[in-house]
C-alpha cells in the first residue's frame, strides 16, 4: 500500500463519519496542514497518530490498510 492509498482511505473514512479535516485535526492535536499532507500521501503516519485517528473515527486501524 502506498501513502497515497492510505490517505485516500483515511479521507473516505473521515467523510463517512461526517467529520471535517479541521475537526479531526483538533481532536488529534495536529494541524489541518498535517491532515492535508496525510490525506494526500505526502507524509507517513506514526503509529501513535494512527491510533488517535482510529479512536476518533471509531474504526479499527486495519480499515485504513
PDB file of N, CA and C in Angstrom:
ATOM      1  N   UNK A   1       0.839  -1.177   0.000  1.00  0.00           N
ATOM      2  CA  UNK A   1       0.000   0.000   0.000  1.00  0.00           C
ATOM      3  C   UNK A   1       0.888   1.246   0.000  1.00  0.00           C
ATOM      4  N   UNK A   2       0.512   2.195  -0.793  1.00  0.00           N
ATOM      5  CA  UNK A   2       1.264   3.445  -0.857  1.00  0.00           C
ATOM      6  C   UNK A   2       0.693   4.454   0.137  1.00  0.00           C
ATOM      7  N   UNK A   3       1.466   5.517   0.373  1.00  0.00           N
ATOM      8  CA  UNK A   3       0.990   6.589   1.258  1.00  0.00           C
ATOM      9  C   UNK A   3      -0.258   7.238   0.673  1.00  0.00           C
ATOM     10  N   UNK A   4      -0.302   7.340  -0.638  1.00  0.00           N
ATOM     11  CA  UNK A   4      -1.459   7.955  -1.295  1.00  0.00           C
ATOM     12  C   UNK A   4      -2.719   7.110  -1.083  1.00  0.00           C
ATOM     13  N   UNK A   5      -2.595   5.793  -1.219  1.00  0.00           N
ATOM     14  CA  UNK A   5      -3.744   4.908  -0.994  1.00  0.00           C
ATOM     15  C   UNK A   5      -4.224   5.011   0.451  1.00  0.00           C
ATOM     16  N   UNK A   6      -3.276   5.060   1.387  1.00  0.00           N
ATOM     17  CA  UNK A   6      -3.637   5.222   2.793  1.00  0.00           C
ATOM     18  C   UNK A   6      -4.399   6.534   2.986  1.00  0.00           C
ATOM     19  N   UNK A   7      -3.876   7.601   2.395  1.00  0.00           N
ATOM     20  CA  UNK A   7      -4.510   8.908   2.527  1.00  0.00           C
ATOM     21  C   UNK A   7      -5.926   8.927   1.979  1.00  0.00           C
ATOM     22  N   UNK A   8      -6.131   8.275   0.852  1.00  0.00           N
ATOM     23  CA  UNK A   8      -7.473   8.207   0.268  1.00  0.00           C
ATOM     24  C   UNK A   8      -8.437   7.450   1.173  1.00  0.00           C
ATOM     25  N   UNK A   9      -7.960   6.366   1.766  1.00  0.00           N
ATOM     26  CA  UNK A   9      -8.807   5.598   2.684  1.00  0.00           C
ATOM     27  C   UNK A   9      -9.116   6.394   3.941  1.00  0.00           C
ATOM     28  N   UNK A  10      -8.128   7.127   4.429  1.00  0.00           N
ATOM     29  CA  UNK A  10      -8.340   7.969   5.600  1.00  0.00           C
ATOM     30  C   UNK A  10      -9.380   9.042   5.304  1.00  0.00           C
ATOM     31  N   UNK A  11      -9.243   9.719   4.184  1.00  0.00           N
ATOM     32  CA  UNK A  11     -10.198  10.762   3.806  1.00  0.00           C
ATOM     33  C   UNK A  11     -11.610  10.191   3.675  1.00  0.00           C
ATOM     34  N   UNK A  12     -11.720   9.030   3.058  1.00  0.00           N
ATOM     35  CA  UNK A  12     -13.027   8.405   2.881  1.00  0.00           C
ATOM     36  C   UNK A  12     -13.646   8.043   4.226  1.00  0.00           C
ATOM     37  N   UNK A  13     -12.853   7.457   5.114  1.00  0.00           N
ATOM     38  CA  UNK A  13     -13.355   7.076   6.439  1.00  0.00           C
ATOM     39  C   UNK A  13     -13.801   8.314   7.220  1.00  0.00           C
ATOM     40  N   UNK A  14     -13.027   9.374   7.124  1.00  0.00           N
ATOM     41  CA  UNK A  14     -13.362  10.624   7.813  1.00  0.00           C
ATOM     42  C   UNK A  14     -14.659  11.208   7.266  1.00  0.00           C
ATOM     43  N   UNK A  15     -14.807  11.227   5.964  1.00  0.00           N
ATOM     44  CA  UNK A  15     -16.001  11.777   5.338  1.00  0.00           C
ATOM     45  C   UNK A  15     -17.241  10.946   5.656  1.00  0.00           C
ATOM     46  N   UNK A  16     -17.076   9.629   5.724  1.00  0.00           N
ATOM     47  CA  UNK A  16     -18.205   8.759   6.063  1.00  0.00           C
ATOM     48  C   UNK A  16     -18.723   9.024   7.471  1.00  0.00           C
ATOM     49  N   UNK A  17     -17.843   9.517   8.340  1.00  0.00           N
ATOM     50  CA  UNK A  17     -18.238   9.847   9.717  1.00  0.00           C
ATOM     51  C   UNK A  17     -18.685  11.306   9.835  1.00  0.00           C
ATOM     52  N   UNK A  18     -18.717  12.011   8.695  1.00  0.00           N
ATOM     53  CA  UNK A  18     -19.121  13.421   8.664  1.00  0.00           C
ATOM     54  C   UNK A  18     -18.290  14.293   9.599  1.00  0.00           C
ATOM     55  N   UNK A  19     -16.977  14.058   9.563  1.00  0.00           N
ATOM     56  CA  UNK A  19     -16.045  14.843  10.361  1.00  0.00           C
ATOM     57  C   UNK A  19     -15.138  15.585   9.391  1.00  0.00           C
ATOM     58  N   UNK A  20     -14.998  16.871   9.579  1.00  0.00           N
ATOM     59  CA  UNK A  20     -14.123  17.654   8.707  1.00  0.00           C
ATOM     60  C   UNK A  20     -12.664  17.385   9.062  1.00  0.00           C
ATOM     61  N   UNK A  21     -11.791  17.662   8.124  1.00  0.00           N
ATOM     62  CA  UNK A  21     -10.360  17.509   8.377  1.00  0.00           C
ATOM     63  C   UNK A  21      -9.944  18.437   9.519  1.00  0.00           C
ATOM     64  N   UNK A  22     -10.542  19.617   9.567  1.00  0.00           N
ATOM     65  CA  UNK A  22     -10.246  20.570  10.640  1.00  0.00           C
ATOM     66  C   UNK A  22     -10.628  19.986  11.996  1.00  0.00           C
ATOM     67  N   UNK A  23     -11.824  19.446  12.090  1.00  0.00           N
ATOM     68  CA  UNK A  23     -12.280  18.868  13.358  1.00  0.00           C
ATOM     69  C   UNK A  23     -11.397  17.703  13.787  1.00  0.00           C
ATOM     70  N   UNK A  24     -11.076  16.820  12.852  1.00  0.00           N
ATOM     71  CA  UNK A  24     -10.228  15.682  13.198  1.00  0.00           C
ATOM     72  C   UNK A  24      -8.846  16.154  13.641  1.00  0.00           C
ATOM     73  N   UNK A  25      -8.328  17.151  12.971  1.00  0.00           N
ATOM     74  CA  UNK A  25      -7.010  17.662  13.355  1.00  0.00           C
ATOM     75  C   UNK A  25      -7.033  18.213  14.784  1.00  0.00           C
ATOM     76  N   UNK A  26      -8.109  18.901  15.152  1.00  0.00           N
ATOM     77  CA  UNK A  26      -8.228  19.397  16.527  1.00  0.00           C
ATOM     78  C   UNK A  26      -8.288  18.254  17.526  1.00  0.00           C
ATOM     79  N   UNK A  27      -9.039  17.229  17.182  1.00  0.00           N
ATOM     80  CA  UNK A  27      -9.211  16.087  18.092  1.00  0.00           C
ATOM     81  C   UNK A  27      -7.916  15.320  18.338  1.00  0.00           C
ATOM     82  N   UNK A  28      -7.048  15.271  17.332  1.00  0.00           N
ATOM     83  CA  UNK A  28      -5.802  14.512  17.498  1.00  0.00           C
ATOM     84  C   UNK A  28      -4.607  15.414  17.822  1.00  0.00           C
ATOM     85  N   UNK A  29      -4.834  16.710  17.913  1.00  0.00           N
ATOM     86  CA  UNK A  29      -3.771  17.634  18.289  1.00  0.00           C
ATOM     87  C   UNK A  29      -2.758  17.914  17.202  1.00  0.00           C
ATOM     88  N   UNK A  30      -3.204  17.883  15.961  1.00  0.00           N
ATOM     89  CA  UNK A  30      -2.333  18.186  14.823  1.00  0.00           C
ATOM     90  C   UNK A  30      -2.935  19.322  14.009  1.00  0.00           C
ATOM     91  N   UNK A  31      -2.142  19.898  13.124  1.00  0.00           N
ATOM     92  CA  UNK A  31      -2.635  20.998  12.296  1.00  0.00           C
ATOM     93  C   UNK A  31      -3.447  20.474  11.116  1.00  0.00           C
ATOM     94  N   UNK A  32      -4.255  21.357  10.543  1.00  0.00           N
ATOM     95  CA  UNK A  32      -5.004  20.965   9.352  1.00  0.00           C
ATOM     96  C   UNK A  32      -4.039  20.704   8.195  1.00  0.00           C
ATOM     97  N   UNK A  33      -2.919  21.402   8.195  1.00  0.00           N
ATOM     98  CA  UNK A  33      -1.902  21.173   7.173  1.00  0.00           C
ATOM     99  C   UNK A  33      -1.364  19.755   7.240  1.00  0.00           C
ATOM    100  N   UNK A  34      -1.169  19.253   8.450  1.00  0.00           N
ATOM    101  CA  UNK A  34      -0.701  17.884   8.628  1.00  0.00           C
ATOM    102  C   UNK A  34      -1.738  16.896   8.097  1.00  0.00           C
ATOM    103  N   UNK A  35      -3.017  17.156   8.398  1.00  0.00           N
ATOM    104  CA  UNK A  35      -4.086  16.284   7.904  1.00  0.00           C
ATOM    105  C   UNK A  35      -4.082  16.269   6.376  1.00  0.00           C
ATOM    106  N   UNK A  36      -3.900  17.434   5.784  1.00  0.00           N
ATOM    107  CA  UNK A  36      -3.854  17.521   4.318  1.00  0.00           C
ATOM    108  C   UNK A  36      -2.689  16.691   3.774  1.00  0.00           C
ATOM    109  N   UNK A  37      -1.523  16.802   4.417  1.00  0.00           N
ATOM    110  CA  UNK A  37      -0.362  16.028   3.973  1.00  0.00           C
ATOM    111  C   UNK A  37      -0.619  14.530   4.104  1.00  0.00           C
ATOM    112  N   UNK A  38      -1.284  14.117   5.185  1.00  0.00           N
ATOM    113  CA  UNK A  38      -1.613  12.699   5.360  1.00  0.00           C
ATOM    114  C   UNK A  38      -2.564  12.224   4.274  1.00  0.00           C
ATOM    115  N   UNK A  39      -3.622  12.980   4.050  1.00  0.00           N
ATOM    116  CA  UNK A  39      -4.660  12.555   3.110  1.00  0.00           C
ATOM    117  C   UNK A  39      -4.213  12.622   1.654  1.00  0.00           C
ATOM    118  N   UNK A  40      -3.176  13.372   1.376  1.00  0.00           N
ATOM    119  CA  UNK A  40      -2.661  13.434   0.011  1.00  0.00           C
ATOM    120  C   UNK A  40      -1.436  12.535  -0.183  1.00  0.00           C
ATOM    121  N   UNK A  41      -1.073  11.805   0.874  1.00  0.00           N
ATOM    122  CA  UNK A  41       0.023  10.854   0.767  1.00  0.00           C
ATOM    123  C   UNK A  41       1.401  11.461   0.734  1.00  0.00           C
ATOM    124  N   UNK A  42       1.560  12.622   1.334  1.00  0.00           N
ATOM    125  CA  UNK A  42       2.858  13.291   1.308  1.00  0.00           C
ATOM    126  C   UNK A  42       3.720  12.973   2.528  1.00  0.00           C
ATOM    127  N   UNK A  43       3.110  12.440   3.593  1.00  0.00           N
ATOM    128  CA  UNK A  43       3.859  12.066   4.797  1.00  0.00           C
ATOM    129  C   UNK A  43       3.386  10.704   5.284  1.00  0.00           C
ATOM    130  N   UNK A  44       4.244  10.055   6.045  1.00  0.00           N
ATOM    131  CA  UNK A  44       3.880   8.793   6.691  1.00  0.00           C
ATOM    132  C   UNK A  44       3.197   9.099   8.015  1.00  0.00           C
ATOM    133  N   UNK A  45       2.287   8.238   8.408  1.00  0.00           N
ATOM    134  CA  UNK A  45       1.610   8.388   9.681  1.00  0.00           C
ATOM    135  C   UNK A  45       2.376   7.582  10.732  1.00  0.00           C
ATOM    136  N   UNK A  46       2.508   8.163  11.916  1.00  0.00           N
ATOM    137  CA  UNK A  46       3.142   7.411  13.004  1.00  0.00           C
ATOM    138  C   UNK A  46       2.096   6.498  13.634  1.00  0.00           C
ATOM    139  N   UNK A  47       2.562   5.501  14.345  1.00  0.00           N
ATOM    140  CA  UNK A  47       1.652   4.563  14.994  1.00  0.00           C
ATOM    141  C   UNK A  47       0.799   5.306  16.019  1.00  0.00           C
ATOM    142  N   UNK A  48       1.405   6.211  16.753  1.00  0.00           N
ATOM    143  CA  UNK A  48       0.687   6.990  17.762  1.00  0.00           C
ATOM    144  C   UNK A  48      -0.466   7.779  17.143  1.00  0.00           C
ATOM    145  N   UNK A  49      -0.190   8.473  16.058  1.00  0.00           N
ATOM    146  CA  UNK A  49      -1.218   9.275  15.390  1.00  0.00           C
ATOM    147  C   UNK A  49      -2.259   8.366  14.741  1.00  0.00           C
ATOM    148  N   UNK A  50      -1.829   7.259  14.181  1.00  0.00           N
ATOM    149  CA  UNK A  50      -2.770   6.307  13.589  1.00  0.00           C
ATOM    150  C   UNK A  50      -3.810   5.876  14.620  1.00  0.00           C
ATOM    151  N   UNK A  51      -3.354   5.519  15.825  1.00  0.00           N
ATOM    152  CA  UNK A  51      -4.292   5.079  16.855  1.00  0.00           C
ATOM    153  C   UNK A  51      -5.191   6.211  17.332  1.00  0.00           C
ATOM    154  N   UNK A  52      -4.670   7.430  17.379  1.00  0.00           N
ATOM    155  CA  UNK A  52      -5.507   8.578  17.754  1.00  0.00           C
ATOM    156  C   UNK A  52      -6.604   8.798  16.710  1.00  0.00           C
ATOM    157  N   UNK A  53      -6.232   8.733  15.451  1.00  0.00           N
ATOM    158  CA  UNK A  53      -7.196   8.913  14.370  1.00  0.00           C
ATOM    159  C   UNK A  53      -8.277   7.838  14.439  1.00  0.00           C
ATOM    160  N   UNK A  54      -7.850   6.599  14.592  1.00  0.00           N
ATOM    161  CA  UNK A  54      -8.812   5.488  14.639  1.00  0.00           C
ATOM    162  C   UNK A  54      -9.735   5.603  15.844  1.00  0.00           C
ATOM    163  N   UNK A  55      -9.211   6.054  16.954  1.00  0.00           N
ATOM    164  CA  UNK A  55     -10.047   6.246  18.141  1.00  0.00           C
ATOM    165  C   UNK A  55     -11.112   7.295  17.871  1.00  0.00           C
ATOM    166  N   UNK A  56     -10.728   8.404  17.261  1.00  0.00           N
ATOM    167  CA  UNK A  56     -11.679   9.482  16.978  1.00  0.00           C
ATOM    168  C   UNK A  56     -12.709   9.091  15.923  1.00  0.00           C
ATOM    169  N   UNK A  57     -12.282   8.291  14.942  1.00  0.00           N
ATOM    170  CA  UNK A  57     -13.200   7.859  13.887  1.00  0.00           C
ATOM    171  C   UNK A  57     -13.973   6.607  14.285  1.00  0.00           C
ATOM    172  N   UNK A  58     -13.588   6.021  15.422  1.00  0.00           N
ATOM    173  CA  UNK A  58     -14.224   4.788  15.920  1.00  0.00           C
ATOM    174  C   UNK A  58     -14.142   3.664  14.878  1.00  0.00           C
ATOM    175  N   UNK A  59     -12.911   3.488  14.369  1.00  0.00           N
ATOM    176  CA  UNK A  59     -12.659   2.429  13.401  1.00  0.00           C
ATOM    177  C   UNK A  59     -11.433   1.631  13.842  1.00  0.00           C
ATOM    178  N   UNK A  60     -11.289   0.455  13.287  1.00  0.00           N
ATOM    179  CA  UNK A  60     -10.121  -0.385  13.526  1.00  0.00           C
ATOM    180  C   UNK A  60      -9.037   0.043  12.539  1.00  0.00           C
ATOM    181  N   UNK A  61      -7.775   0.095  12.978  1.00  0.00           N
ATOM    182  CA  UNK A  61      -6.715   0.507  12.067  1.00  0.00           C
ATOM    183  C   UNK A  61      -6.670  -0.292  10.761  1.00  0.00           C
ATOM    184  N   UNK A  62      -7.060  -1.568  10.814  1.00  0.00           N
ATOM    185  CA  UNK A  62      -6.998  -2.376   9.579  1.00  0.00           C
ATOM    186  C   UNK A  62      -7.914  -1.841   8.495  1.00  0.00           C
ATOM    187  N   UNK A  63      -8.908  -1.038   8.856  1.00  0.00           N
ATOM    188  CA  UNK A  63      -9.806  -0.447   7.844  1.00  0.00           C
ATOM    189  C   UNK A  63      -9.086   0.575   6.965  1.00  0.00           C
ATOM    190  N   UNK A  64      -7.952   1.071   7.419  1.00  0.00           N
ATOM    191  CA  UNK A  64      -7.205   2.054   6.645  1.00  0.00           C
ATOM    192  C   UNK A  64      -6.116   1.418   5.782  1.00  0.00           C
ATOM    193  N   UNK A  65      -5.932   0.108   5.944  1.00  0.00           N
ATOM    194  CA  UNK A  65      -4.884  -0.593   5.182  1.00  0.00           C
ATOM    195  C   UNK A  65      -5.433  -1.612   4.228  1.00  0.00           C
TER     196      UNK A  65
END
